Amino acid sequence: MDGVGGMETAISPLFDAHIAGCAVVVDNCSGGIGFVTDSPMRDLVGIQDVGLAAWCNGLNPNSPYANGPGCVGFDASVGGQLVPSGDIIVADIDGVVVVPHARIDRVIAKLDSVRAAETAMEAKVKSEFSEHSRIIQMLTDGRAVMED
């Protein structure tokens, strides 16, 4: 949902919420699993109660429009990113990614190699930090001095 990125309300410069609990319940009942908006939302407890995933840029108590404007099944713009209807949204606590529907097979084919590369990098970072080898070397060769 394109909420124009404003923080003054829970949507747009019109001082209303972009999405709130009732709309989320409808989304959940119609098979929705979550939503992404670049504006604030409201009714966080109600949204969490129905179990939908939600990404927004803040919370605001002001109500959204009850009777529009809005549409479903069309392209959307979120955070300046065009999201054509049918594209796949992948989101977790670290962020949101849009995968074009036409590229989904290519993305899925690369997931194992990306996961392996990330796992290897994490292991390398953890081992270097646990050994502090670079810090120890800098202390040993005089490039760093330990002070209390």
Protein backbone atom coordinates (compact mmCIF):
# COMPACT_ATOMS: atom_id res chain seq x y z
CA MET A 1 0.00 0.00 0.00
CA ASP A 2 1.37 3.36 -0.95
CA GLY A 3 0.83 5.66 1.97
CA VAL A 4 3.09 8.39 0.62
CA GLY A 5 5.53 7.66 3.44
CA GLY A 6 4.00 10.29 5.72
CA MET A 7 4.27 9.89 9.49
CA GLU A 8 1.82 12.58 10.57
CA THR A 9 -1.10 10.20 10.28
CA ALA A 10 -1.69 6.57 9.73
CA ILE A 11 -1.88 7.39 6.04
CA SER A 12 -1.05 10.12 3.65
CA PRO A 13 -1.32 13.82 4.17
CA LEU A 14 -5.06 13.39 4.76
CA PHE A 15 -4.59 12.57 8.46
CA ASP A 16 -6.09 9.08 8.47
CA ALA A 17 -4.80 5.57 9.14
CA HIS A 18 -3.81 3.59 6.09
CA ILE A 19 -4.88 0.28 7.52
CA ALA A 20 -6.58 -0.68 10.74
CA GLY A 21 -7.92 -3.74 12.53
CA CYS A 22 -11.21 -4.19 10.64
CA ALA A 23 -9.52 -4.06 7.24
CA VAL A 24 -6.96 -6.58 8.45
CA VAL A 25 -9.66 -8.98 9.65
CA VAL A 26 -11.27 -8.76 6.20
CA ASP A 27 -7.85 -9.38 4.59
CA ASN A 28 -7.28 -12.38 6.84
CA CYS A 29 -10.74 -13.86 6.16
CA SER A 30 -10.23 -13.52 2.41
CA GLY A 31 -6.97 -15.49 2.48
CA GLY A 32 -4.48 -12.66 3.00
CA ILE A 33 -1.37 -13.49 5.01
CA GLY A 34 -0.04 -9.99 5.61
CA PHE A 35 0.51 -6.52 4.26
CA VAL A 36 3.21 -3.94 3.65
CA THR A 37 2.69 -0.17 3.74
CA ASP A 38 5.03 2.79 3.78
CA SER A 39 2.70 4.65 6.14
CA PRO A 40 1.61 4.14 9.73
CA MET A 41 -1.13 1.75 10.78
CA ARG A 42 -3.35 1.52 13.84
CA ASP A 43 -4.97 -1.23 15.93
CA LEU A 44 -1.69 -3.11 16.36
CA VAL A 45 -3.11 -5.46 19.01
CA GLY A 46 -6.06 -6.39 16.76
CA ILE A 47 -3.72 -7.00 13.83
CA GLN A 48 -1.51 -9.23 15.97
CA ASP A 49 -4.57 -11.07 17.32
CA VAL A 50 -5.62 -12.25 13.85
CA GLY A 51 -2.07 -13.45 13.14
CA LEU A 52 -1.30 -11.43 10.02
CA ALA A 53 2.22 -10.26 9.30
CA ALA A 54 2.49 -6.48 9.00
CA TRP A 55 5.17 -4.02 7.96
CA CYS A 56 4.66 -0.27 8.32
CA ASN A 57 6.62 2.85 9.18
CA GLY A 58 4.89 3.60 12.47
CA LEU A 59 1.66 3.66 14.44
CA ASN A 60 -1.01 6.36 14.53
CA PRO A 61 -4.41 6.33 16.23
CA ASN A 62 -6.28 8.22 13.48
CA SER A 63 -8.82 6.17 11.49
CA PRO A 64 -8.58 5.28 7.80
CA TYR A 65 -11.27 5.84 5.22
CA ALA A 66 -14.17 3.44 5.74
CA ASN A 67 -15.44 3.55 2.14
CA GLY A 68 -12.37 4.05 -0.04
CA PRO A 69 -10.51 5.12 -1.95
CA GLY A 70 -8.82 1.81 -2.62
CA CYS A 71 -8.60 -1.16 -4.96
CA VAL A 72 -7.46 -4.77 -4.87
CA GLY A 73 -5.69 -6.77 -7.58
CA PHE A 74 -3.97 -3.81 -9.23
CA ASP A 75 -0.38 -2.59 -9.29
CA ALA A 76 0.71 -0.69 -6.17
CA SER A 77 3.55 1.59 -5.24
CA VAL A 78 5.15 1.07 -1.84
CA GLY A 79 8.06 3.21 -0.78
CA GLY A 80 8.52 4.30 -4.37
CA GLN A 81 8.81 0.68 -5.56
CA LEU A 82 6.29 -0.47 -8.17
CA VAL A 83 4.72 -3.77 -7.13
CA PRO A 84 2.72 -5.23 -10.02
CA SER A 85 -0.20 -7.46 -9.14
CA GLY A 86 1.07 -11.03 -8.88
CA ASP A 87 4.58 -10.19 -7.69
CA ILE A 88 5.78 -12.04 -4.62
CA ILE A 89 6.48 -10.16 -1.38
CA VAL A 90 9.06 -11.74 0.91
CA ALA A 91 9.39 -10.06 4.30
CA ASP A 92 10.90 -10.67 7.70
CA ILE A 93 12.00 -8.55 10.62
CA ASP A 94 15.00 -7.29 8.62
CA GLY A 95 13.00 -5.92 5.71
CA VAL A 96 10.83 -6.44 2.67
CA VAL A 97 11.79 -7.62 -0.82
CA VAL A 98 9.65 -7.65 -3.96
CA VAL A 99 10.30 -10.59 -6.30
CA PRO A 100 8.85 -10.08 -9.78
CA HIS A 101 6.58 -12.99 -10.68
CA ALA A 102 8.50 -13.51 -13.94
CA ARG A 103 11.74 -14.07 -11.97
CA ILE A 104 10.46 -16.31 -9.19
CA ASP A 105 11.90 -19.54 -10.66
CA ARG A 106 15.33 -17.91 -11.07
CA VAL A 107 15.24 -16.57 -7.51
CA ILE A 108 14.19 -19.94 -6.08
CA ALA A 109 16.99 -21.66 -8.03
CA LYS A 110 19.57 -19.37 -6.38
CA LEU A 111 18.28 -19.63 -2.81
CA ASP A 112 20.46 -22.59 -1.80
CA SER A 113 23.68 -20.94 -3.05
CA VAL A 114 22.79 -17.63 -1.38
CA ARG A 115 21.98 -19.42 1.88
CA ALA A 116 25.28 -21.33 1.72
CA ALA A 117 27.26 -18.14 1.05
CA GLU A 118 25.56 -16.34 3.95
CA THR A 119 26.13 -19.29 6.30
CA ALA A 120 29.83 -19.39 5.35
CA MET A 121 30.18 -15.64 5.85
CA GLU A 122 28.47 -15.78 9.26
CA ALA A 123 30.76 -18.63 10.35
CA LYS A 124 33.82 -16.69 9.21
CA VAL A 125 32.74 -13.54 11.02
CA LYS A 126 31.95 -15.46 14.20
CA SER A 127 35.27 -17.33 14.20
CA GLU A 128 37.32 -14.21 13.56
CA PHE A 129 35.51 -12.28 16.26
CA SER A 130 35.70 -15.13 18.75
CA GLU A 131 39.46 -15.43 18.23
CA HIS A 132 40.03 -11.69 17.95
CA SER A 133 42.95 -12.59 15.70
CA ARG A 134 43.18 -9.20 14.02
CA ILE A 135 43.02 -7.31 17.32
CA ILE A 136 45.63 -9.58 18.88
CA GLN A 137 47.89 -9.09 15.85
CA MET A 138 47.53 -5.29 16.06
CA LEU A 139 48.41 -5.36 19.77
CA THR A 140 51.36 -7.66 19.10
CA ASP A 141 52.88 -5.62 16.27
CA GLY A 142 52.30 -2.25 17.98
CA ARG A 143 49.61 -0.85 15.68
CA ALA A 144 47.26 -0.72 18.68
CA VAL A 145 47.73 -0.07 22.37
CA MET A 146 45.47 -1.33 25.15
CA GLU A 147 44.47 1.28 27.71
CA ASP A 148 42.38 1.02 30.86
